[in-house]
Amino acid sequence: MTDLSPRWTAVCRVEDIPALGSRRVAREHGLDVAVFRNGDDVVFALLDRCPHKGGPLSQGIVFGTSVACPLHNWTIGLADGCAKEADEGCTPKFSVRVDAGMVYLDANELAGLATDLARPIAGPARRTAAA
């Protein structure tokens, strides 16, 4: 068995993540984390927010080692969180460990990584009346 010190937090079993799909992990502070499983049963974790317009990556289509954002079809690399050319931008990635079929995320990253990012607000921009 590998070292699973208190740094690692169990979030689900690999089988709880649909093949070619994802599962969201809620955090106490900050946006949710999307945990993905590709066709080779490799598990990845990214902030559940596309770097383009903030779309929920957990609702995207997983293919190979990428996910397509459900809003504008940007391709985001699961290993690094970065958009593929010609698009630009990255979403934070989270460290993942799998041991005996259980998925673990880094507890320090869950507590502190990208907790300052705001959830996008849907709908048209609000206009304020001129004073």
Protein backbone atom coordinates (compact mmCIF):
# COMPACT_ATOMS: atom_id res chain seq x y z
CA MET A 1 0.00 0.00 0.00
CA THR A 2 1.24 3.48 -0.82
CA ASP A 3 1.67 6.26 1.70
CA LEU A 4 -1.71 7.92 2.20
CA SER A 5 -0.80 10.36 4.94
CA PRO A 6 -3.30 12.94 6.16
CA ARG A 7 -2.31 15.04 3.15
CA TRP A 8 -4.60 12.86 0.99
CA THR A 9 -8.41 12.94 1.23
CA ALA A 10 -10.56 10.10 -0.10
CA VAL A 11 -13.26 11.50 -2.41
CA CYS A 12 -14.79 8.46 -4.14
CA ARG A 13 -14.10 5.09 -5.68
CA VAL A 14 -12.89 4.94 -9.29
CA GLU A 15 -16.08 3.05 -10.19
CA ASP A 16 -18.15 5.98 -8.84
CA ILE A 17 -16.88 8.09 -11.74
CA PRO A 18 -18.59 7.18 -15.02
CA ALA A 19 -16.21 5.94 -17.72
CA LEU A 20 -15.58 8.90 -20.06
CA GLY A 21 -17.29 11.11 -17.50
CA SER A 22 -16.82 12.98 -14.26
CA ARG A 23 -17.97 13.51 -10.72
CA ARG A 24 -17.99 16.81 -8.84
CA VAL A 25 -16.36 17.16 -5.45
CA ALA A 26 -17.67 20.02 -3.32
CA ARG A 27 -15.21 22.05 -1.28
CA GLU A 28 -15.78 24.06 1.87
CA HIS A 29 -14.25 27.12 0.20
CA GLY A 30 -14.00 27.80 -3.51
CA LEU A 31 -15.50 26.22 -6.58
CA ASP A 32 -16.09 22.49 -6.93
CA VAL A 33 -13.46 20.15 -8.31
CA ALA A 34 -14.30 17.92 -11.28
CA VAL A 35 -12.79 14.43 -11.09
CA PHE A 36 -12.62 12.76 -14.51
CA ARG A 37 -12.14 9.15 -15.64
CA ASN A 38 -11.05 8.50 -19.20
CA GLY A 39 -11.45 5.36 -21.31
CA ASP A 40 -8.23 3.89 -19.91
CA ASP A 41 -9.49 4.34 -16.31
CA VAL A 42 -6.95 7.11 -15.66
CA VAL A 43 -8.28 9.67 -13.17
CA PHE A 44 -7.67 13.43 -13.39
CA ALA A 45 -8.93 16.41 -11.37
CA LEU A 46 -9.47 20.02 -12.44
CA LEU A 47 -11.28 23.01 -11.05
CA ASP A 48 -14.83 22.72 -12.42
CA ARG A 49 -14.47 25.92 -14.43
CA CYS A 50 -13.42 26.40 -18.05
CA PRO A 51 -10.80 29.17 -18.42
CA HIS A 52 -12.83 30.70 -21.28
CA LYS A 53 -16.25 31.66 -19.89
CA GLY A 54 -16.36 29.58 -16.70
CA GLY A 55 -18.37 26.66 -18.10
CA PRO A 56 -18.76 23.59 -15.86
CA LEU A 57 -16.15 21.15 -17.17
CA SER A 58 -17.83 18.35 -15.20
CA GLN A 59 -20.64 18.50 -17.76
CA GLY A 60 -18.28 18.20 -20.72
CA ILE A 61 -17.47 15.21 -22.91
CA VAL A 62 -14.30 13.30 -22.02
CA PHE A 63 -12.21 11.93 -24.89
CA GLY A 64 -8.67 10.61 -24.64
CA THR A 65 -6.93 12.88 -22.14
CA SER A 66 -9.13 15.92 -22.80
CA VAL A 67 -12.56 17.28 -21.97
CA ALA A 68 -14.72 19.48 -24.21
CA CYS A 69 -16.30 22.42 -22.40
CA PRO A 70 -20.09 22.17 -22.71
CA LEU A 71 -20.52 25.90 -23.40
CA HIS A 72 -18.24 26.62 -26.35
CA ASN A 73 -16.54 23.28 -27.07
CA TRP A 74 -13.07 24.38 -25.98
CA THR A 75 -10.75 21.38 -25.56
CA ILE A 76 -9.07 21.32 -22.15
CA GLY A 77 -6.21 18.92 -21.34
CA LEU A 78 -7.02 16.77 -18.33
CA ALA A 79 -3.37 16.38 -17.34
CA ASP A 80 -2.56 20.10 -17.21
CA GLY A 81 -5.88 22.00 -17.32
CA CYS A 82 -4.76 24.02 -20.34
CA ALA A 83 -6.79 24.82 -23.44
CA LYS A 84 -5.56 23.29 -26.69
CA GLU A 85 -4.46 25.52 -29.56
CA ALA A 86 -5.71 27.88 -30.88
CA ASP A 87 -7.52 28.63 -27.61
CA GLU A 88 -5.61 29.94 -24.60
CA GLY A 89 -5.91 29.73 -20.84
CA CYS A 90 -5.71 27.16 -18.07
CA THR A 91 -7.84 26.02 -15.19
CA PRO A 92 -6.12 24.79 -12.00
CA LYS A 93 -5.37 21.07 -11.79
CA PHE A 94 -5.42 19.03 -8.60
CA SER A 95 -3.10 16.19 -7.62
CA VAL A 96 -4.74 12.76 -7.71
CA ARG A 97 -3.77 9.41 -6.26
CA VAL A 98 -5.56 6.12 -6.80
CA ASP A 99 -4.99 3.29 -4.35
CA ALA A 100 -6.94 0.03 -4.16
CA GLY A 101 -9.69 1.52 -6.31
CA MET A 102 -10.11 4.63 -4.11
CA VAL A 103 -9.52 8.15 -5.48
CA TYR A 104 -7.68 10.62 -3.26
CA LEU A 105 -7.12 14.35 -3.73
CA ASP A 106 -4.45 16.45 -2.05
CA ALA A 107 -6.07 17.93 1.08
CA ASN A 108 -3.82 21.01 1.00
CA GLU A 109 -4.85 21.78 -2.58
CA LEU A 110 -8.53 21.22 -1.77
CA ALA A 111 -8.25 23.71 1.10
CA GLY A 112 -6.27 26.39 -0.69
CA LEU A 113 -5.92 26.05 -4.45
CA ALA A 114 -8.00 28.55 -6.46
CA THR A 115 -10.32 29.37 -3.57
CA ASP A 116 -10.35 33.03 -4.62
CA LEU A 117 -11.99 32.45 -8.01
CA ALA A 118 -15.62 33.52 -8.29
CA ARG A 119 -18.32 31.38 -9.82
CA PRO A 120 -19.44 32.90 -13.13
CA ILE A 121 -22.88 34.48 -13.13
CA ALA A 122 -25.15 33.42 -15.99
CA GLY A 123 -27.25 35.85 -17.94
CA PRO A 124 -26.72 39.26 -19.46
CA ALA A 125 -24.55 41.87 -17.79
CA ARG A 126 -26.44 44.14 -15.47
CA ARG A 127 -26.79 47.78 -16.34
CA THR A 128 -26.97 50.43 -13.72
CA ALA A 129 -28.86 53.67 -14.07
CA ALA A 130 -26.71 56.72 -14.61
CA ALA A 131 -26.61 59.02 -11.61
